[in-house]
Structures are given as structure tokens and as C-alpha cells.
Amino acid sequence: MVVQVSQSMAGLSVQRDGARQVSRSLPEEQPVALVFNGTTAAVMMATPANMKEFAIGFALSEGFIERPDQVESFDCVTQTKGTELRIWLDADRAKALHLRRRNMLGPVGCGLCGIDSLEQAIRPLPVLPDGGVALPRSDVASATDRLRDHQPLHDQTHAVHAAGFLLPDKGIVMSCEDVGRHNALDKLIGALALAGMDARKGAIVLTSRVSVDMVQKTVIAGCPVLIAVSAPTALALRLARDANLTLAAFARGGGFDVYSHPERILSGASDAA
């Protein structure tokens, strides 16, 4: 069964000068079950694209695996009511499934819905090492504008989020889209891992606000800089500061706010746009 990522749907556009019939391209979303070693770990509402990247990225960000080669097999099974991503882990990593228990139906606005304990929601994060990347201010200021050039599904539908990976002086080198902002980030993390790209060498760029789960996923991926078009929550910022993550927000219109560890963003005449 071929699953489309968008569909043309009819509607009635009502404007000041009257009404007319229109056809709009709208993004698809469907339940996607992530099944690890025969047990469902999560059911997320997601855009049915980049499913292997989604599975690998979710497994990495949840701590089920540390590397893609710890996945023994992967199968994407499309059914009438949704899609099952069947992932089999090696014996050592199968034990990690019990340390991060989830039983969720995740709406597109929340990456933590249904988690079964407060301790699991605010899990301890590693502290990122100092350095890792130095970004010119111009790269940070233009990051979300550059990401707009890598959002084909958004151009069709105007209804999806994106997560992109930015390298200093190279711009956005990889991006993924989804109706769920956290799904887009998981897909990006999986895509980076499958491509053998080092997340420590660049920055993750988001078209969304920054909530706790977005900080958690970025830190676990080992990426030292997170750039977002919108605001962080106060708790997300506290976690970023504790984890030594550089967090830049409101990155749009040629400027940005930096809330934590600004030393990774260069200053001075040498990096002026």
C-alpha cells in the first residue's frame, strides 16, 4: 500500500470579496506504532514519511540504542488504520526497553504524553562537553530562514514542522518534516545517524517552540547548539543550561536571543554578516 504524505482536499474559501471553491494540499497524519522486539513502545500521530529515520531517531533519543548498528532488523508495515514500525534490537540493547517505559498516544503538540512516571518525564541528561562547534552570528541569525528552503511539504501544505541540521559556513545540510515537531526532530536524528554525520559538529534548527522533550532529544543526540524560531519554556531553558547546551531562540528577521552558553556563538567584526 502506497501512503501519500499529502492529499488534495476540496473546501470553500470565504474572503471579503466573496466565496469560491478551492482545492488545498493538506498533510497526512496517521497513527504510527513503534514496536521494539515485539512490544509497542509508543503510538505517535505522524506524517508517513522517513519512517526508518523516525524509528532510528526515536530509538536513539529514548536511549534504546546508542548506534544504528544495534538494530538487527527493521520493517515498515502499512495497515488500513496506520503503520507499524517493527524494530528488533540486539540482546544487549533489548534490556534498555525496560528502562524507558512508554504507553502513549502522542498528539502532535506533545512528545511526553502518556509517560508513566514523573521521573521518566524529567530524566537526567548528560552534560555536553565544552566547545564542539563555533557558529558565526550570521549563521544563527539566518538559520530558520535557510531552513525554509528545505521544507517542500510545508510549501505544499503550510501545516508541518521541520528540523534541520546546520553546519558552520555551509548552511542547512539535512532536514526532515512532520506534523509533529518532536517527530521531525526524531527523524532528523535518525537521518544523521544513518548518514554517519556527527551531530557534535553543527546545530539543530527548529521551526517550533522549544519544550523539554526538544532539549532532551538534542542533548542525547550530542548536538551542542539548538536554534529555534520561537520561544523556549522556562523548564527547557533550565535543562539546557544544566546540560551545557547553547540555546538560541526567536531566530528570525536577522536576529536571535541566546539564553544559555553563548560562547559557542562567535562575536565581533570577524563574523559580521
C-alpha atoms as a PDB file:
ATOM      1  CA  MET A   1       0.000   0.000   0.000  1.00  0.00           C
ATOM      2  CA  VAL A   2       1.411   3.356  -1.081  1.00  0.00           C
ATOM      3  CA  VAL A   3       0.851   6.061   1.535  1.00  0.00           C
ATOM      4  CA  GLN A   4       0.816   9.672   0.379  1.00  0.00           C
ATOM      5  CA  VAL A   5       2.290  12.370   2.607  1.00  0.00           C
ATOM      6  CA  SER A   6      -0.289  14.917   1.423  1.00  0.00           C
ATOM      7  CA  GLN A   7      -3.713  14.895  -0.186  1.00  0.00           C
ATOM      8  CA  SER A   8      -5.606  17.458  -2.261  1.00  0.00           C
ATOM      9  CA  MET A   9      -8.848  18.304  -0.432  1.00  0.00           C
ATOM     10  CA  ALA A  10     -11.773  20.494  -1.508  1.00  0.00           C
ATOM     11  CA  GLY A  11     -13.020  23.406   0.543  1.00  0.00           C
ATOM     12  CA  LEU A  12     -14.810  26.741   0.391  1.00  0.00           C
ATOM     13  CA  SER A  13     -12.656  29.851   0.722  1.00  0.00           C
ATOM     14  CA  VAL A  14     -14.608  32.788   2.190  1.00  0.00           C
ATOM     15  CA  GLN A  15     -12.974  36.181   1.699  1.00  0.00           C
ATOM     16  CA  ARG A  16     -14.095  39.833   1.827  1.00  0.00           C
ATOM     17  CA  ASP A  17     -14.947  39.828  -1.856  1.00  0.00           C
ATOM     18  CA  GLY A  18     -16.956  36.606  -1.720  1.00  0.00           C
ATOM     19  CA  ALA A  19     -16.595  32.846  -1.602  1.00  0.00           C
ATOM     20  CA  ARG A  20     -15.130  30.320  -4.015  1.00  0.00           C
ATOM     21  CA  GLN A  21     -14.371  26.633  -4.207  1.00  0.00           C
ATOM     22  CA  VAL A  22     -10.718  25.763  -3.576  1.00  0.00           C
ATOM     23  CA  SER A  23      -8.526  22.693  -3.519  1.00  0.00           C
ATOM     24  CA  ARG A  24      -5.798  22.633  -0.880  1.00  0.00           C
ATOM     25  CA  SER A  25      -2.898  20.242  -0.406  1.00  0.00           C
ATOM     26  CA  LEU A  26      -3.091  19.045   3.198  1.00  0.00           C
ATOM     27  CA  PRO A  27      -0.553  16.920   5.085  1.00  0.00           C
ATOM     28  CA  GLU A  28      -1.446  13.379   6.034  1.00  0.00           C
ATOM     29  CA  GLU A  29      -1.137  12.136   9.587  1.00  0.00           C
ATOM     30  CA  GLN A  30      -1.730   8.623  10.850  1.00  0.00           C
ATOM     31  CA  PRO A  31      -1.055   6.502  13.925  1.00  0.00           C
ATOM     32  CA  VAL A  32       2.471   5.115  13.772  1.00  0.00           C
ATOM     33  CA  ALA A  33       3.278   2.351  16.246  1.00  0.00           C
ATOM     34  CA  LEU A  34       6.912   1.922  17.204  1.00  0.00           C
ATOM     35  CA  VAL A  35       7.244  -1.745  18.086  1.00  0.00           C
ATOM     36  CA  PHE A  36      10.520  -2.875  19.624  1.00  0.00           C
ATOM     37  CA  ASN A  37      11.234  -6.592  19.924  1.00  0.00           C
ATOM     38  CA  GLY A  38       7.530  -7.348  19.651  1.00  0.00           C
ATOM     39  CA  THR A  39       6.366  -4.783  22.247  1.00  0.00           C
ATOM     40  CA  THR A  40       4.770  -1.438  21.377  1.00  0.00           C
ATOM     41  CA  ALA A  41       6.801   1.362  22.964  1.00  0.00           C
ATOM     42  CA  ALA A  42       4.762   4.268  21.581  1.00  0.00           C
ATOM     43  CA  VAL A  43       1.988   5.187  19.185  1.00  0.00           C
ATOM     44  CA  MET A  44       2.535   8.613  17.666  1.00  0.00           C
ATOM     45  CA  MET A  45       0.473  10.646  15.241  1.00  0.00           C
ATOM     46  CA  ALA A  46       2.950  11.330  12.454  1.00  0.00           C
ATOM     47  CA  THR A  47       3.413  12.123   8.784  1.00  0.00           C
ATOM     48  CA  PRO A  48       4.020   8.804   6.966  1.00  0.00           C
ATOM     49  CA  ALA A  49       7.443   9.660   5.520  1.00  0.00           C
ATOM     50  CA  ASN A  50      11.040   8.890   6.539  1.00  0.00           C
ATOM     51  CA  MET A  51       9.813   6.001   8.639  1.00  0.00           C
ATOM     52  CA  LYS A  52      13.185   4.285   9.102  1.00  0.00           C
ATOM     53  CA  GLU A  53      14.751   7.584  10.131  1.00  0.00           C
ATOM     54  CA  PHE A  54      11.857   8.076  12.564  1.00  0.00           C
ATOM     55  CA  ALA A  55      12.354   4.627  14.111  1.00  0.00           C
ATOM     56  CA  ILE A  56      16.129   5.026  14.456  1.00  0.00           C
ATOM     57  CA  GLY A  57      15.873   8.579  15.769  1.00  0.00           C
ATOM     58  CA  PHE A  58      13.202   7.635  18.309  1.00  0.00           C
ATOM     59  CA  ALA A  59      15.290   4.678  19.499  1.00  0.00           C
ATOM     60  CA  LEU A  60      18.358   6.908  19.863  1.00  0.00           C
ATOM     61  CA  SER A  61      16.590   9.767  21.639  1.00  0.00           C
ATOM     62  CA  GLU A  62      14.835   7.365  24.005  1.00  0.00           C
ATOM     63  CA  GLY A  63      18.084   5.601  24.867  1.00  0.00           C
ATOM     64  CA  PHE A  64      17.009   2.246  23.445  1.00  0.00           C
ATOM     65  CA  ILE A  65      20.132   2.197  21.258  1.00  0.00           C
ATOM     66  CA  GLU A  66      23.412   4.072  21.098  1.00  0.00           C
ATOM     67  CA  ARG A  67      24.182   3.377  17.425  1.00  0.00           C
ATOM     68  CA  PRO A  68      22.108   2.377  14.391  1.00  0.00           C
ATOM     69  CA  ASP A  69      24.004  -0.913  14.045  1.00  0.00           C
ATOM     70  CA  GLN A  70      22.386  -2.108  17.273  1.00  0.00           C
ATOM     71  CA  VAL A  71      19.173  -2.534  15.269  1.00  0.00           C
ATOM     72  CA  GLU A  72      19.154  -6.087  13.931  1.00  0.00           C
ATOM     73  CA  SER A  73      16.184  -5.606  11.610  1.00  0.00           C
ATOM     74  CA  PHE A  74      13.568  -3.047  10.606  1.00  0.00           C
ATOM     75  CA  ASP A  75      10.257  -3.470   8.830  1.00  0.00           C
ATOM     76  CA  CYS A  76       7.615  -0.880   7.959  1.00  0.00           C
ATOM     77  CA  VAL A  77       4.175  -2.490   7.791  1.00  0.00           C
ATOM     78  CA  THR A  78       1.396  -0.303   6.411  1.00  0.00           C
ATOM     79  CA  GLN A  79      -2.123  -1.245   7.504  1.00  0.00           C
ATOM     80  CA  THR A  80      -5.545   0.242   6.869  1.00  0.00           C
ATOM     81  CA  LYS A  81      -5.577   2.124  10.181  1.00  0.00           C
ATOM     82  CA  GLY A  82      -1.930   3.124  10.373  1.00  0.00           C
ATOM     83  CA  THR A  83       1.657   1.937  10.198  1.00  0.00           C
ATOM     84  CA  GLU A  84       3.720  -0.367  12.381  1.00  0.00           C
ATOM     85  CA  LEU A  85       7.461   0.197  12.556  1.00  0.00           C
ATOM     86  CA  ARG A  86       8.850  -3.154  13.696  1.00  0.00           C
ATOM     87  CA  ILE A  87      12.337  -2.826  15.121  1.00  0.00           C
ATOM     88  CA  TRP A  88      14.359  -5.710  16.531  1.00  0.00           C
ATOM     89  CA  LEU A  89      17.290  -4.817  18.763  1.00  0.00           C
ATOM     90  CA  ASP A  90      20.268  -6.952  19.685  1.00  0.00           C
ATOM     91  CA  ALA A  91      20.133  -8.767  23.023  1.00  0.00           C
ATOM     92  CA  ASP A  92      22.154  -6.213  24.983  1.00  0.00           C
ATOM     93  CA  ARG A  93      20.038  -3.251  23.913  1.00  0.00           C
ATOM     94  CA  ALA A  94      16.772  -5.080  24.456  1.00  0.00           C
ATOM     95  CA  LYS A  95      17.325  -4.595  28.183  1.00  0.00           C
ATOM     96  CA  ALA A  96      17.133  -0.824  27.731  1.00  0.00           C
ATOM     97  CA  LEU A  97      13.497  -1.153  26.657  1.00  0.00           C
ATOM     98  CA  HIS A  98      12.500  -1.719  30.268  1.00  0.00           C
ATOM     99  CA  LEU A  99      14.277   1.414  31.484  1.00  0.00           C
ATOM    100  CA  ARG A 100      12.247   3.804  29.352  1.00  0.00           C
ATOM    101  CA  ARG A 101       8.672   2.583  29.525  1.00  0.00           C
ATOM    102  CA  ARG A 102       6.058   4.318  27.398  1.00  0.00           C
ATOM    103  CA  ASN A 103       2.460   3.608  26.619  1.00  0.00           C
ATOM    104  CA  MET A 104       1.260   6.630  24.726  1.00  0.00           C
ATOM    105  CA  LEU A 105      -0.923   8.020  22.020  1.00  0.00           C
ATOM    106  CA  GLY A 106       1.080  11.158  21.336  1.00  0.00           C
ATOM    107  CA  PRO A 107      -0.792  14.157  19.912  1.00  0.00           C
ATOM    108  CA  VAL A 108       1.235  16.295  17.539  1.00  0.00           C
ATOM    109  CA  GLY A 109       1.798  19.011  20.149  1.00  0.00           C
ATOM    110  CA  CYS A 110       3.405  16.926  22.894  1.00  0.00           C
ATOM    111  CA  GLY A 111       6.282  14.483  22.968  1.00  0.00           C
ATOM    112  CA  LEU A 112       5.800  13.299  26.550  1.00  0.00           C
ATOM    113  CA  CYS A 113       2.087  12.498  26.695  1.00  0.00           C
ATOM    114  CA  GLY A 114       1.340   9.187  28.414  1.00  0.00           C
ATOM    115  CA  ILE A 115       4.742   8.646  30.010  1.00  0.00           C
ATOM    116  CA  ASP A 116       4.211   6.574  33.149  1.00  0.00           C
ATOM    117  CA  SER A 117       6.227   8.379  35.841  1.00  0.00           C
ATOM    118  CA  LEU A 118       7.396  11.867  36.760  1.00  0.00           C
ATOM    119  CA  GLU A 119      10.967  10.594  36.964  1.00  0.00           C
ATOM    120  CA  GLN A 120      10.823   9.395  33.365  1.00  0.00           C
ATOM    121  CA  ALA A 121       9.448  12.742  32.172  1.00  0.00           C
ATOM    122  CA  ILE A 122      12.365  14.786  33.572  1.00  0.00           C
ATOM    123  CA  ARG A 123      15.116  12.245  33.048  1.00  0.00           C
ATOM    124  CA  PRO A 124      18.760  13.024  33.887  1.00  0.00           C
ATOM    125  CA  LEU A 125      20.690  14.322  30.896  1.00  0.00           C
ATOM    126  CA  PRO A 126      24.389  14.036  30.155  1.00  0.00           C
ATOM    127  CA  VAL A 127      26.422  17.224  30.282  1.00  0.00           C
ATOM    128  CA  LEU A 128      27.700  18.130  26.838  1.00  0.00           C
ATOM    129  CA  PRO A 129      31.434  18.788  26.578  1.00  0.00           C
ATOM    130  CA  ASP A 130      32.611  22.345  26.097  1.00  0.00           C
ATOM    131  CA  GLY A 131      33.185  23.504  22.546  1.00  0.00           C
ATOM    132  CA  GLY A 132      32.254  21.160  19.737  1.00  0.00           C
ATOM    133  CA  VAL A 133      31.285  23.891  17.308  1.00  0.00           C
ATOM    134  CA  ALA A 134      31.722  27.643  16.833  1.00  0.00           C
ATOM    135  CA  LEU A 135      28.969  29.362  14.875  1.00  0.00           C
ATOM    136  CA  PRO A 136      29.148  32.813  13.315  1.00  0.00           C
ATOM    137  CA  ARG A 137      26.346  35.082  14.474  1.00  0.00           C
ATOM    138  CA  SER A 138      25.226  35.373  10.870  1.00  0.00           C
ATOM    139  CA  ASP A 139      24.670  31.602  10.680  1.00  0.00           C
ATOM    140  CA  VAL A 140      22.460  31.659  13.761  1.00  0.00           C
ATOM    141  CA  ALA A 141      20.521  34.732  12.650  1.00  0.00           C
ATOM    142  CA  SER A 142      19.765  33.236   9.230  1.00  0.00           C
ATOM    143  CA  ALA A 143      19.266  29.615  10.338  1.00  0.00           C
ATOM    144  CA  THR A 144      15.463  29.464  10.253  1.00  0.00           C
ATOM    145  CA  ASP A 145      15.324  31.433   7.003  1.00  0.00           C
ATOM    146  CA  ARG A 146      17.706  28.922   5.451  1.00  0.00           C
ATOM    147  CA  LEU A 147      15.611  26.055   6.761  1.00  0.00           C
ATOM    148  CA  ARG A 148      12.630  27.454   4.851  1.00  0.00           C
ATOM    149  CA  ASP A 149      14.419  26.492   1.638  1.00  0.00           C
ATOM    150  CA  HIS A 150      14.382  22.845   2.745  1.00  0.00           C
ATOM    151  CA  GLN A 151      10.682  22.410   3.542  1.00  0.00           C
ATOM    152  CA  PRO A 152       8.935  21.057   0.419  1.00  0.00           C
ATOM    153  CA  LEU A 153       5.992  19.596   2.343  1.00  0.00           C
ATOM    154  CA  HIS A 154       5.447  22.896   4.139  1.00  0.00           C
ATOM    155  CA  ASP A 155       5.480  24.658   0.776  1.00  0.00           C
ATOM    156  CA  GLN A 156       2.656  22.353  -0.344  1.00  0.00           C
ATOM    157  CA  THR A 157       0.564  22.393   2.837  1.00  0.00           C
ATOM    158  CA  HIS A 158       1.685  25.182   5.211  1.00  0.00           C
ATOM    159  CA  ALA A 159       0.909  22.784   8.049  1.00  0.00           C
ATOM    160  CA  VAL A 160       4.049  20.904   9.098  1.00  0.00           C
ATOM    161  CA  HIS A 161       7.127  21.462  11.214  1.00  0.00           C
ATOM    162  CA  ALA A 162      10.741  20.930  10.215  1.00  0.00           C
ATOM    163  CA  ALA A 163      14.018  20.152  11.937  1.00  0.00           C
ATOM    164  CA  GLY A 164      17.268  20.884  10.138  1.00  0.00           C
ATOM    165  CA  PHE A 165      20.987  20.363  10.715  1.00  0.00           C
ATOM    166  CA  LEU A 166      23.244  23.356  10.167  1.00  0.00           C
ATOM    167  CA  LEU A 167      26.994  23.220   9.662  1.00  0.00           C
ATOM    168  CA  PRO A 168      29.131  26.348  10.148  1.00  0.00           C
ATOM    169  CA  ASP A 169      29.543  28.272   6.895  1.00  0.00           C
ATOM    170  CA  LYS A 170      27.683  25.528   4.959  1.00  0.00           C
ATOM    171  CA  GLY A 171      24.081  26.176   5.961  1.00  0.00           C
ATOM    172  CA  ILE A 172      21.370  23.536   6.274  1.00  0.00           C
ATOM    173  CA  VAL A 173      22.729  20.209   5.042  1.00  0.00           C
ATOM    174  CA  MET A 174      19.838  17.951   6.097  1.00  0.00           C
ATOM    175  CA  SER A 175      16.180  18.404   7.078  1.00  0.00           C
ATOM    176  CA  CYS A 176      13.070  16.396   7.938  1.00  0.00           C
ATOM    177  CA  GLU A 177       9.392  17.383   8.157  1.00  0.00           C
ATOM    178  CA  ASP A 178       6.392  16.104  10.101  1.00  0.00           C
ATOM    179  CA  VAL A 179       3.080  17.295  11.513  1.00  0.00           C
ATOM    180  CA  GLY A 180       4.683  16.754  14.930  1.00  0.00           C
ATOM    181  CA  ARG A 181       7.662  18.929  15.841  1.00  0.00           C
ATOM    182  CA  HIS A 182       9.160  16.217  18.041  1.00  0.00           C
ATOM    183  CA  ASN A 183       8.649  13.643  15.262  1.00  0.00           C
ATOM    184  CA  ALA A 184      10.508  15.905  12.828  1.00  0.00           C
ATOM    185  CA  LEU A 185      13.408  16.077  15.284  1.00  0.00           C
ATOM    186  CA  ASP A 186      13.452  12.299  15.790  1.00  0.00           C
ATOM    187  CA  LYS A 187      13.502  11.837  12.010  1.00  0.00           C
ATOM    188  CA  LEU A 188      16.423  14.249  11.716  1.00  0.00           C
ATOM    189  CA  ILE A 189      18.369  12.497  14.484  1.00  0.00           C
ATOM    190  CA  GLY A 190      17.796   9.174  12.748  1.00  0.00           C
ATOM    191  CA  ALA A 191      18.779  10.566   9.361  1.00  0.00           C
ATOM    192  CA  LEU A 192      22.017  11.992  10.772  1.00  0.00           C
ATOM    193  CA  ALA A 193      22.901   8.684  12.394  1.00  0.00           C
ATOM    194  CA  LEU A 194      22.137   6.632   9.293  1.00  0.00           C
ATOM    195  CA  ALA A 195      24.230   9.014   7.169  1.00  0.00           C
ATOM    196  CA  GLY A 196      27.141   8.844   9.615  1.00  0.00           C
ATOM    197  CA  MET A 197      27.037  12.594  10.228  1.00  0.00           C
ATOM    198  CA  ASP A 198      28.410  13.853  13.545  1.00  0.00           C
ATOM    199  CA  ALA A 199      25.774  15.867  15.389  1.00  0.00           C
ATOM    200  CA  ARG A 200      28.521  17.370  17.569  1.00  0.00           C
ATOM    201  CA  LYS A 201      29.807  19.403  14.617  1.00  0.00           C
ATOM    202  CA  GLY A 202      26.736  21.553  13.974  1.00  0.00           C
ATOM    203  CA  ALA A 203      23.431  22.883  15.254  1.00  0.00           C
ATOM    204  CA  ILE A 204      19.854  21.663  15.193  1.00  0.00           C
ATOM    205  CA  VAL A 205      17.361  24.207  13.841  1.00  0.00           C
ATOM    206  CA  LEU A 206      13.632  24.050  14.641  1.00  0.00           C
ATOM    207  CA  THR A 207      10.521  25.706  13.233  1.00  0.00           C
ATOM    208  CA  SER A 208       8.805  25.403  16.615  1.00  0.00           C
ATOM    209  CA  ARG A 209       8.944  26.407  20.239  1.00  0.00           C
ATOM    210  CA  VAL A 210      11.441  24.614  22.472  1.00  0.00           C
ATOM    211  CA  SER A 211       9.880  22.362  25.075  1.00  0.00           C
ATOM    212  CA  VAL A 212      11.554  19.931  27.457  1.00  0.00           C
ATOM    213  CA  ASP A 213      11.495  16.993  25.047  1.00  0.00           C
ATOM    214  CA  MET A 214      13.200  19.008  22.293  1.00  0.00           C
ATOM    215  CA  VAL A 215      16.090  19.840  24.632  1.00  0.00           C
ATOM    216  CA  GLN A 216      16.289  16.229  25.806  1.00  0.00           C
ATOM    217  CA  LYS A 217      16.443  14.832  22.274  1.00  0.00           C
ATOM    218  CA  THR A 218      19.063  17.384  21.174  1.00  0.00           C
ATOM    219  CA  VAL A 219      21.329  16.695  24.151  1.00  0.00           C
ATOM    220  CA  ILE A 220      21.038  12.918  23.842  1.00  0.00           C
ATOM    221  CA  ALA A 221      21.931  13.247  20.149  1.00  0.00           C
ATOM    222  CA  GLY A 222      25.115  15.020  21.287  1.00  0.00           C
ATOM    223  CA  CYS A 223      24.384  18.242  19.413  1.00  0.00           C
ATOM    224  CA  PRO A 224      25.767  21.288  21.295  1.00  0.00           C
ATOM    225  CA  VAL A 225      23.564  24.026  19.790  1.00  0.00           C
ATOM    226  CA  LEU A 226      19.793  24.321  19.392  1.00  0.00           C
ATOM    227  CA  ILE A 227      18.307  27.173  17.353  1.00  0.00           C
ATOM    228  CA  ALA A 228      14.547  27.788  17.229  1.00  0.00           C
ATOM    229  CA  VAL A 229      12.226  30.250  15.550  1.00  0.00           C
ATOM    230  CA  SER A 230      10.076  30.549  18.686  1.00  0.00           C
ATOM    231  CA  ALA A 231      10.472  30.607  22.468  1.00  0.00           C
ATOM    232  CA  PRO A 232      11.711  28.025  24.949  1.00  0.00           C
ATOM    233  CA  THR A 233       9.800  27.138  28.067  1.00  0.00           C
ATOM    234  CA  ALA A 234      11.432  28.090  31.355  1.00  0.00           C
ATOM    235  CA  LEU A 235      11.993  24.442  32.283  1.00  0.00           C
ATOM    236  CA  ALA A 236      13.512  23.675  28.863  1.00  0.00           C
ATOM    237  CA  LEU A 237      15.940  26.558  29.385  1.00  0.00           C
ATOM    238  CA  ARG A 238      16.932  25.335  32.839  1.00  0.00           C
ATOM    239  CA  LEU A 239      17.639  21.877  31.404  1.00  0.00           C
ATOM    240  CA  ALA A 240      19.660  23.395  28.545  1.00  0.00           C
ATOM    241  CA  ARG A 241      21.787  25.382  30.975  1.00  0.00           C
ATOM    242  CA  ASP A 242      22.430  22.335  33.161  1.00  0.00           C
ATOM    243  CA  ALA A 243      23.321  20.191  30.127  1.00  0.00           C
ATOM    244  CA  ASN A 244      25.749  22.786  28.670  1.00  0.00           C
ATOM    245  CA  LEU A 245      23.550  23.206  25.588  1.00  0.00           C
ATOM    246  CA  THR A 246      23.659  26.509  23.710  1.00  0.00           C
ATOM    247  CA  LEU A 247      20.053  27.589  23.200  1.00  0.00           C
ATOM    248  CA  ALA A 248      19.181  30.374  20.757  1.00  0.00           C
ATOM    249  CA  ALA A 249      15.515  31.305  20.292  1.00  0.00           C
ATOM    250  CA  PHE A 250      13.407  33.841  18.384  1.00  0.00           C
ATOM    251  CA  ALA A 251      15.837  33.324  15.485  1.00  0.00           C
ATOM    252  CA  ARG A 252      14.110  35.246  12.732  1.00  0.00           C
ATOM    253  CA  GLY A 253      14.276  38.559  10.905  1.00  0.00           C
ATOM    254  CA  GLY A 254      18.058  38.664  11.053  1.00  0.00           C
ATOM    255  CA  GLY A 255      18.365  38.373  14.828  1.00  0.00           C
ATOM    256  CA  PHE A 256      18.057  35.983  17.748  1.00  0.00           C
ATOM    257  CA  ASP A 257      18.103  35.702  21.542  1.00  0.00           C
ATOM    258  CA  VAL A 258      20.671  33.455  23.193  1.00  0.00           C
ATOM    259  CA  TYR A 259      19.709  32.121  26.616  1.00  0.00           C
ATOM    260  CA  SER A 260      22.441  29.666  27.538  1.00  0.00           C
ATOM    261  CA  HIS A 261      26.136  29.099  26.843  1.00  0.00           C
ATOM    262  CA  PRO A 262      26.647  31.862  24.261  1.00  0.00           C
ATOM    263  CA  GLU A 263      30.363  31.055  23.989  1.00  0.00           C
ATOM    264  CA  ARG A 264      29.671  28.738  21.017  1.00  0.00           C
ATOM    265  CA  ILE A 265      28.360  31.697  19.022  1.00  0.00           C
ATOM    266  CA  LEU A 266      31.172  33.903  17.793  1.00  0.00           C
ATOM    267  CA  SER A 267      31.055  37.643  18.272  1.00  0.00           C
ATOM    268  CA  GLY A 268      32.916  40.577  16.838  1.00  0.00           C
ATOM    269  CA  ALA A 269      33.688  42.045  13.434  1.00  0.00           C
ATOM    270  CA  SER A 270      35.222  38.856  12.072  1.00  0.00           C
ATOM    271  CA  ASP A 271      31.858  37.142  11.740  1.00  0.00           C
ATOM    272  CA  ALA A 272      29.668  40.067  10.794  1.00  0.00           C
ATOM    273  CA  ALA A 273      27.191  39.315   8.030  1.00  0.00           C
END
